[in-house]
Amino acid sequence: MFTTCHEKQIQLKKIFDDCKTPDERYLKIMELGKKMPKLDPVFKIEANIVKGCQSTMYMRTYSENGKLFFQTDSDALISLGLAALLVYIYSGEIPETILKCPPKCLEELGISALLSPSRANGLYSIHLRMKQEALISLTNIKL
């Protein structure tokens, strides 16, 4: 169960294989943020702001064939990179996977230890928002 979620986490850990120091991991996170596509300005609305992030973080969620997809944008590169980690893991997954497959690779990579409390809270807030979107999707499907 949750095969793709686990596989993506393994792949994500491989992306960080060449990072030997915390600074290198931090730079890799920012590099991932740079690679994120920009969110269309039409989706930069109040309803798409992720509450609890230190910087302004927008997240658009949409569904295709029962799977949820996430697009994010932020005014801070590190925040965008942190969002990129979660988008990598959860975009294209079914709601049940988003709810039941925790992002264990982030702890294994020591990501949380790299972050200030406010950045760690932002990462948590992005993940929480993804889980909330999964719950909404399940509720809408089952009505």
C-alpha atoms as a PDB file:
ATOM      1  CA  MET A   1       0.000   0.000   0.000  1.00  0.00           C
ATOM      2  CA  PHE A   2       1.176   3.542  -0.814  1.00  0.00           C
ATOM      3  CA  THR A   3       3.859   2.167  -3.138  1.00  0.00           C
ATOM      4  CA  THR A   4       4.254   5.333  -5.177  1.00  0.00           C
ATOM      5  CA  CYS A   5       4.502   7.515  -2.076  1.00  0.00           C
ATOM      6  CA  HIS A   6       7.274   5.320  -0.671  1.00  0.00           C
ATOM      7  CA  GLU A   7       9.039   5.146  -4.042  1.00  0.00           C
ATOM      8  CA  LYS A   8       8.974   8.919  -4.390  1.00  0.00           C
ATOM      9  CA  GLN A   9      10.459   9.280  -0.912  1.00  0.00           C
ATOM     10  CA  ILE A  10      13.281   6.896  -1.842  1.00  0.00           C
ATOM     11  CA  GLN A  11      13.900   8.922  -5.017  1.00  0.00           C
ATOM     12  CA  LEU A  12      13.871  12.140  -3.034  1.00  0.00           C
ATOM     13  CA  LYS A  13      16.493  10.773  -0.650  1.00  0.00           C
ATOM     14  CA  LYS A  14      18.657   9.899  -3.671  1.00  0.00           C
ATOM     15  CA  ILE A  15      18.441  13.513  -4.837  1.00  0.00           C
ATOM     16  CA  PHE A  16      20.157  14.446  -1.577  1.00  0.00           C
ATOM     17  CA  ASP A  17      22.809  11.677  -1.763  1.00  0.00           C
ATOM     18  CA  ASP A  18      25.533  14.095  -2.807  1.00  0.00           C
ATOM     19  CA  CYS A  19      24.786  16.443   0.106  1.00  0.00           C
ATOM     20  CA  LYS A  20      27.272  15.669   2.858  1.00  0.00           C
ATOM     21  CA  THR A  21      26.710  18.683   5.106  1.00  0.00           C
ATOM     22  CA  PRO A  22      23.659  20.516   6.433  1.00  0.00           C
ATOM     23  CA  ASP A  23      24.620  23.542   4.324  1.00  0.00           C
ATOM     24  CA  GLU A  24      24.648  21.396   1.186  1.00  0.00           C
ATOM     25  CA  ARG A  25      21.166  20.048   2.040  1.00  0.00           C
ATOM     26  CA  TYR A  26      19.917  23.591   2.614  1.00  0.00           C
ATOM     27  CA  LEU A  27      21.313  24.671  -0.765  1.00  0.00           C
ATOM     28  CA  LYS A  28      19.706  21.650  -2.429  1.00  0.00           C
ATOM     29  CA  ILE A  29      16.325  22.655  -0.985  1.00  0.00           C
ATOM     30  CA  MET A  30      16.736  26.134  -2.467  1.00  0.00           C
ATOM     31  CA  GLU A  31      17.811  24.610  -5.793  1.00  0.00           C
ATOM     32  CA  LEU A  32      14.603  22.557  -5.846  1.00  0.00           C
ATOM     33  CA  GLY A  33      12.666  25.739  -5.130  1.00  0.00           C
ATOM     34  CA  LYS A  34      14.276  27.456  -8.122  1.00  0.00           C
ATOM     35  CA  LYS A  35      13.098  24.622 -10.369  1.00  0.00           C
ATOM     36  CA  MET A  36       9.466  24.928  -9.326  1.00  0.00           C
ATOM     37  CA  PRO A  37       7.219  26.338 -12.046  1.00  0.00           C
ATOM     38  CA  LYS A  38       5.665  29.701 -11.238  1.00  0.00           C
ATOM     39  CA  LEU A  39       2.034  29.642 -10.213  1.00  0.00           C
ATOM     40  CA  ASP A  40      -0.265  31.467 -12.599  1.00  0.00           C
ATOM     41  CA  PRO A  41      -1.150  34.821 -10.968  1.00  0.00           C
ATOM     42  CA  VAL A  42      -4.858  33.984 -11.318  1.00  0.00           C
ATOM     43  CA  PHE A  43      -4.334  31.423  -8.521  1.00  0.00           C
ATOM     44  CA  LYS A  44      -2.530  33.843  -6.189  1.00  0.00           C
ATOM     45  CA  ILE A  45      -5.633  34.585  -4.181  1.00  0.00           C
ATOM     46  CA  GLU A  46      -6.378  34.762  -0.470  1.00  0.00           C
ATOM     47  CA  ALA A  47      -8.051  31.332  -0.463  1.00  0.00           C
ATOM     48  CA  ASN A  48      -4.821  29.724  -1.726  1.00  0.00           C
ATOM     49  CA  ILE A  49      -2.548  31.214   0.940  1.00  0.00           C
ATOM     50  CA  VAL A  50      -1.150  28.576   3.292  1.00  0.00           C
ATOM     51  CA  LYS A  51      -1.600  29.873   6.831  1.00  0.00           C
ATOM     52  CA  GLY A  52       1.296  29.334   9.231  1.00  0.00           C
ATOM     53  CA  CYS A  53       4.135  29.942   6.780  1.00  0.00           C
ATOM     54  CA  GLN A  54       6.727  32.597   7.583  1.00  0.00           C
ATOM     55  CA  SER A  55       6.570  33.915   4.024  1.00  0.00           C
ATOM     56  CA  THR A  56       3.599  34.142   1.692  1.00  0.00           C
ATOM     57  CA  MET A  57       2.956  30.643   0.318  1.00  0.00           C
ATOM     58  CA  TYR A  58       0.282  29.923  -2.257  1.00  0.00           C
ATOM     59  CA  MET A  59      -0.978  26.422  -2.948  1.00  0.00           C
ATOM     60  CA  ARG A  60      -3.362  25.460  -5.710  1.00  0.00           C
ATOM     61  CA  THR A  61      -4.938  22.028  -5.492  1.00  0.00           C
ATOM     62  CA  TYR A  62      -6.797  20.307  -8.277  1.00  0.00           C
ATOM     63  CA  SER A  63      -8.050  16.805  -8.951  1.00  0.00           C
ATOM     64  CA  GLU A  64      -7.756  14.595 -12.020  1.00  0.00           C
ATOM     65  CA  ASN A  65      -8.949  10.997 -12.190  1.00  0.00           C
ATOM     66  CA  GLY A  66      -9.251  10.752  -8.415  1.00  0.00           C
ATOM     67  CA  LYS A  67      -5.700  12.017  -7.784  1.00  0.00           C
ATOM     68  CA  LEU A  68      -4.742  15.340  -6.230  1.00  0.00           C
ATOM     69  CA  PHE A  69      -2.168  17.656  -7.731  1.00  0.00           C
ATOM     70  CA  PHE A  70      -0.480  20.574  -6.012  1.00  0.00           C
ATOM     71  CA  GLN A  71       1.114  23.715  -7.378  1.00  0.00           C
ATOM     72  CA  THR A  72       2.883  26.138  -5.070  1.00  0.00           C
ATOM     73  CA  ASP A  73       4.592  29.498  -5.191  1.00  0.00           C
ATOM     74  CA  SER A  74       6.244  31.670  -2.575  1.00  0.00           C
ATOM     75  CA  ASP A  75       8.110  34.918  -2.239  1.00  0.00           C
ATOM     76  CA  ALA A  76      10.913  33.072  -0.391  1.00  0.00           C
ATOM     77  CA  LEU A  77      13.153  30.537  -2.109  1.00  0.00           C
ATOM     78  CA  ILE A  78      13.637  28.333   0.949  1.00  0.00           C
ATOM     79  CA  SER A  79       9.877  28.152   1.510  1.00  0.00           C
ATOM     80  CA  LEU A  80       9.350  27.261  -2.126  1.00  0.00           C
ATOM     81  CA  GLY A  81      12.004  24.557  -1.818  1.00  0.00           C
ATOM     82  CA  LEU A  82      10.325  23.078   1.238  1.00  0.00           C
ATOM     83  CA  ALA A  83       7.020  23.066  -0.615  1.00  0.00           C
ATOM     84  CA  ALA A  84       8.773  21.386  -3.551  1.00  0.00           C
ATOM     85  CA  LEU A  85       9.710  18.458  -1.287  1.00  0.00           C
ATOM     86  CA  LEU A  86       6.085  17.856  -0.352  1.00  0.00           C
ATOM     87  CA  VAL A  87       4.795  18.470  -3.871  1.00  0.00           C
ATOM     88  CA  TYR A  88       7.293  15.881  -5.104  1.00  0.00           C
ATOM     89  CA  ILE A  89       5.990  13.313  -2.602  1.00  0.00           C
ATOM     90  CA  TYR A  90       2.243  13.956  -2.766  1.00  0.00           C
ATOM     91  CA  SER A  91       1.290  15.490  -6.114  1.00  0.00           C
ATOM     92  CA  GLY A  92      -0.453  12.877  -8.230  1.00  0.00           C
ATOM     93  CA  GLU A  93      -1.448  10.721  -5.261  1.00  0.00           C
ATOM     94  CA  ILE A  94      -4.916   9.641  -4.196  1.00  0.00           C
ATOM     95  CA  PRO A  95      -6.325  11.370  -1.094  1.00  0.00           C
ATOM     96  CA  GLU A  96      -5.930   8.262   1.097  1.00  0.00           C
ATOM     97  CA  THR A  97      -2.195   8.179   0.390  1.00  0.00           C
ATOM     98  CA  ILE A  98      -1.790  11.848   1.296  1.00  0.00           C
ATOM     99  CA  LEU A  99      -3.543  11.175   4.597  1.00  0.00           C
ATOM    100  CA  LYS A 100      -1.856   7.906   5.535  1.00  0.00           C
ATOM    101  CA  CYS A 101       1.691   8.028   4.115  1.00  0.00           C
ATOM    102  CA  PRO A 102       3.809  10.370   6.251  1.00  0.00           C
ATOM    103  CA  PRO A 103       6.846  12.098   4.710  1.00  0.00           C
ATOM    104  CA  LYS A 104       9.353  10.071   6.752  1.00  0.00           C
ATOM    105  CA  CYS A 105      12.155  10.850   4.318  1.00  0.00           C
ATOM    106  CA  LEU A 106      12.256  14.456   5.547  1.00  0.00           C
ATOM    107  CA  GLU A 107      13.253  13.294   9.029  1.00  0.00           C
ATOM    108  CA  GLU A 108      15.660  10.737   7.581  1.00  0.00           C
ATOM    109  CA  LEU A 109      17.317  13.520   5.582  1.00  0.00           C
ATOM    110  CA  GLY A 110      17.494  15.743   8.664  1.00  0.00           C
ATOM    111  CA  ILE A 111      15.447  18.464   6.981  1.00  0.00           C
ATOM    112  CA  SER A 112      13.628  19.492  10.164  1.00  0.00           C
ATOM    113  CA  ALA A 113      16.927  19.882  12.006  1.00  0.00           C
ATOM    114  CA  LEU A 114      18.089  22.381   9.351  1.00  0.00           C
ATOM    115  CA  LEU A 115      15.134  24.682   9.856  1.00  0.00           C
ATOM    116  CA  SER A 116      14.375  27.494  12.226  1.00  0.00           C
ATOM    117  CA  PRO A 117      11.205  26.921  14.264  1.00  0.00           C
ATOM    118  CA  SER A 118       9.229  29.260  11.995  1.00  0.00           C
ATOM    119  CA  ARG A 119      10.397  27.466   8.815  1.00  0.00           C
ATOM    120  CA  ALA A 120       9.653  24.066  10.393  1.00  0.00           C
ATOM    121  CA  ASN A 121       6.178  25.358  11.232  1.00  0.00           C
ATOM    122  CA  GLY A 122       5.764  26.423   7.612  1.00  0.00           C
ATOM    123  CA  LEU A 123       6.707  22.950   6.379  1.00  0.00           C
ATOM    124  CA  TYR A 124       4.188  21.467   8.805  1.00  0.00           C
ATOM    125  CA  SER A 125       1.547  23.956   7.612  1.00  0.00           C
ATOM    126  CA  ILE A 126       2.061  23.007   3.959  1.00  0.00           C
ATOM    127  CA  HIS A 127       1.706  19.316   4.804  1.00  0.00           C
ATOM    128  CA  LEU A 128      -1.354  20.017   6.934  1.00  0.00           C
ATOM    129  CA  ARG A 129      -2.956  21.953   4.075  1.00  0.00           C
ATOM    130  CA  MET A 130      -2.323  19.010   1.721  1.00  0.00           C
ATOM    131  CA  LYS A 131      -4.011  16.655   4.185  1.00  0.00           C
ATOM    132  CA  GLN A 132      -6.941  19.050   4.563  1.00  0.00           C
ATOM    133  CA  GLU A 133      -7.324  19.162   0.781  1.00  0.00           C
ATOM    134  CA  ALA A 134      -7.278  15.338   0.728  1.00  0.00           C
ATOM    135  CA  LEU A 135     -10.043  15.232   3.351  1.00  0.00           C
ATOM    136  CA  ILE A 136     -12.120  17.725   1.384  1.00  0.00           C
ATOM    137  CA  SER A 137     -11.643  15.635  -1.734  1.00  0.00           C
ATOM    138  CA  LEU A 138     -12.749  12.460   0.059  1.00  0.00           C
ATOM    139  CA  THR A 139     -15.779  14.212   1.483  1.00  0.00           C
ATOM    140  CA  ASN A 140     -16.777  15.497  -1.947  1.00  0.00           C
ATOM    141  CA  ILE A 141     -16.321  12.082  -3.536  1.00  0.00           C
ATOM    142  CA  LYS A 142     -18.424  10.284  -0.947  1.00  0.00           C
ATOM    143  CA  LEU A 143     -21.386  12.709  -0.980  1.00  0.00           C
END
